[in-house]
Amino acid sequence: MSEEKWYAGGLQFECTGCGDCCTGTPGYVWVSEEEIAVLAAHLETDIDNFEKFYVRRIGARKSLKELPQVNFDCIFLDEARRCTVYEARPLQCRTWPFWDSNLKTKETWKQTCSVCPGSGEGKLHSIEQIEHQRNTVHL
């Protein structure tokens, strides 16, 4: 029998578009070949050109580039701190904040809420929705 999750009653989240999850310490936004193709099409460029300017290889995987001179912002975060590819953003971005690291305990969720103004606010997501997103991306 499985143990009941602490968030069995659901969690609130609604993206405010603040850009806080797109900046900060260095990290990775992992992208698949399919996501690269979607992003390239969104930017109306070919895949090779897209990868040349926006993607870095980390071992066998690929990640979006960061701007180290701008607090390690995602390369798609503009000066107004808005995502310029929001409609085509990768799955990793789409599933925020319902990542394993944020859902471990009530305390880790509380920490997430302290750094993300949309976490703990807005639409109530059911445990089924949360688990679907949590199980979609493995960081």
Protein backbone atom coordinates (compact mmCIF):
# COMPACT_ATOMS: atom_id res chain seq x y z
CA MET A 1 0.00 0.00 0.00
CA SER A 2 1.40 3.41 -0.94
CA GLU A 3 1.91 6.18 1.56
CA GLU A 4 -0.36 9.22 1.20
CA LYS A 5 1.46 12.29 -0.12
CA TRP A 6 1.56 15.33 2.14
CA TYR A 7 -0.03 17.32 -0.72
CA ALA A 8 -2.93 14.88 -1.23
CA GLY A 9 -5.37 17.80 -1.00
CA GLY A 10 -3.66 19.55 -3.91
CA LEU A 11 -1.46 22.62 -4.17
CA GLN A 12 -2.01 26.09 -5.51
CA PHE A 13 0.08 27.53 -8.33
CA GLU A 14 -0.40 30.10 -11.04
CA CYS A 15 2.50 31.46 -13.04
CA THR A 16 2.89 35.20 -12.54
CA GLY A 17 5.45 35.50 -15.34
CA CYS A 18 7.92 37.06 -12.91
CA GLY A 19 10.94 35.25 -14.34
CA ASP A 20 12.30 34.28 -10.91
CA CYS A 21 12.52 30.60 -11.90
CA CYS A 22 14.56 31.58 -14.98
CA THR A 23 17.44 33.23 -13.14
CA GLY A 24 19.76 32.78 -10.19
CA THR A 25 22.44 30.19 -9.65
CA PRO A 26 23.86 28.28 -12.61
CA GLY A 27 21.86 25.26 -13.68
CA TYR A 28 20.39 23.37 -16.57
CA VAL A 29 17.22 23.55 -18.61
CA TRP A 30 17.34 20.17 -20.30
CA VAL A 31 15.89 20.01 -23.80
CA SER A 32 15.04 17.06 -25.99
CA GLU A 33 15.41 16.95 -29.76
CA GLU A 34 11.63 17.45 -30.06
CA GLU A 35 11.71 20.50 -27.78
CA ILE A 36 14.61 21.95 -29.76
CA ALA A 37 12.59 21.55 -32.96
CA VAL A 38 9.55 23.25 -31.38
CA LEU A 39 11.67 26.14 -30.08
CA ALA A 40 13.45 26.55 -33.43
CA ALA A 41 10.11 26.65 -35.25
CA HIS A 42 8.79 29.16 -32.72
CA LEU A 43 11.77 31.40 -33.45
CA GLU A 44 11.45 30.74 -37.18
CA THR A 45 14.96 29.36 -37.54
CA ASP A 46 16.42 26.00 -38.48
CA ILE A 47 17.50 23.49 -35.87
CA ASP A 48 21.24 23.78 -36.56
CA ASN A 49 21.16 27.56 -36.19
CA PHE A 50 19.04 27.30 -33.04
CA GLU A 51 21.46 24.86 -31.44
CA LYS A 52 24.46 26.99 -32.39
CA PHE A 53 23.12 30.05 -30.58
CA TYR A 54 20.91 28.70 -27.80
CA VAL A 55 21.99 25.18 -26.77
CA ARG A 56 25.01 23.75 -24.96
CA ARG A 57 25.98 20.10 -24.72
CA ILE A 58 26.49 18.67 -21.22
CA GLY A 59 27.79 15.14 -21.67
CA ALA A 60 25.20 13.27 -23.69
CA ARG A 61 22.44 15.78 -22.90
CA LYS A 62 21.55 19.25 -24.14
CA SER A 63 20.62 22.32 -22.12
CA LEU A 64 19.60 25.85 -22.97
CA LYS A 65 22.40 28.36 -22.57
CA GLU A 66 22.56 30.84 -19.72
CA LEU A 67 23.77 34.40 -19.63
CA PRO A 68 26.56 34.38 -17.00
CA GLN A 69 26.96 38.15 -17.25
CA VAL A 70 23.29 38.54 -16.22
CA ASN A 71 23.00 36.44 -13.05
CA PHE A 72 22.83 33.21 -15.07
CA ASP A 73 19.50 34.17 -16.64
CA CYS A 74 18.05 31.76 -19.16
CA ILE A 75 19.00 32.93 -22.63
CA PHE A 76 15.28 33.46 -23.35
CA LEU A 77 14.62 35.80 -20.42
CA ASP A 78 14.36 39.36 -21.73
CA GLU A 79 15.25 42.66 -20.04
CA ALA A 80 11.72 42.94 -18.61
CA ARG A 81 12.24 39.46 -17.05
CA ARG A 82 9.70 37.84 -19.37
CA CYS A 83 10.14 34.53 -21.18
CA THR A 84 10.39 35.22 -24.89
CA VAL A 85 9.48 31.61 -25.77
CA TYR A 86 6.78 31.04 -23.12
CA GLU A 87 4.33 29.35 -25.51
CA ALA A 88 7.06 26.94 -26.71
CA ARG A 89 9.00 26.58 -23.44
CA PRO A 90 10.49 23.18 -22.61
CA LEU A 91 8.69 20.60 -20.49
CA GLN A 92 11.04 21.27 -17.57
CA CYS A 93 9.75 24.84 -17.49
CA ARG A 94 6.13 23.79 -18.03
CA THR A 95 6.17 21.47 -15.02
CA TRP A 96 7.57 24.03 -12.54
CA PRO A 97 7.02 24.05 -9.55
CA PHE A 98 5.84 20.44 -9.39
CA TRP A 99 9.35 18.93 -9.33
CA ASP A 100 10.50 16.22 -6.90
CA SER A 101 12.87 18.67 -5.23
CA ASN A 102 10.01 21.07 -4.42
CA LEU A 103 7.58 18.36 -3.28
CA LYS A 104 9.76 16.37 -0.89
CA THR A 105 8.28 17.91 2.24
CA LYS A 106 5.99 20.71 3.36
CA GLU A 107 9.16 22.61 4.22
CA THR A 108 10.61 22.33 0.69
CA TRP A 109 7.27 23.51 -0.72
CA LYS A 110 7.27 26.42 1.73
CA GLN A 111 10.78 27.33 0.51
CA THR A 112 9.55 27.16 -3.10
CA CYS A 113 6.69 29.49 -2.19
CA SER A 114 9.16 31.94 -0.66
CA VAL A 115 11.08 32.27 -3.95
CA CYS A 116 8.20 31.90 -6.43
CA PRO A 117 5.28 34.32 -6.05
CA GLY A 118 2.96 32.01 -8.02
CA SER A 119 3.56 28.98 -5.78
CA GLY A 120 0.94 28.69 -3.07
CA GLU A 121 -1.33 31.11 -4.94
CA GLY A 122 -3.96 30.90 -7.67
CA LYS A 123 -5.40 27.74 -9.18
CA LEU A 124 -5.65 24.62 -7.03
CA HIS A 125 -3.99 21.66 -8.77
CA SER A 126 -5.20 18.20 -7.78
CA ILE A 127 -2.81 15.51 -6.63
CA GLU A 128 -3.42 13.75 -9.96
CA GLN A 129 -2.34 16.84 -11.91
CA ILE A 130 0.66 17.36 -9.65
CA GLU A 131 1.77 13.73 -9.89
CA HIS A 132 1.39 13.76 -13.68
CA GLN A 133 3.68 16.78 -13.91
CA ARG A 134 6.09 15.48 -11.28
CA ASN A 135 6.43 12.18 -13.13
CA THR A 136 6.89 13.84 -16.54
CA VAL A 137 10.32 15.35 -15.93
CA HIS A 138 13.24 13.74 -14.14
CA LEU A 139 15.92 16.31 -13.40
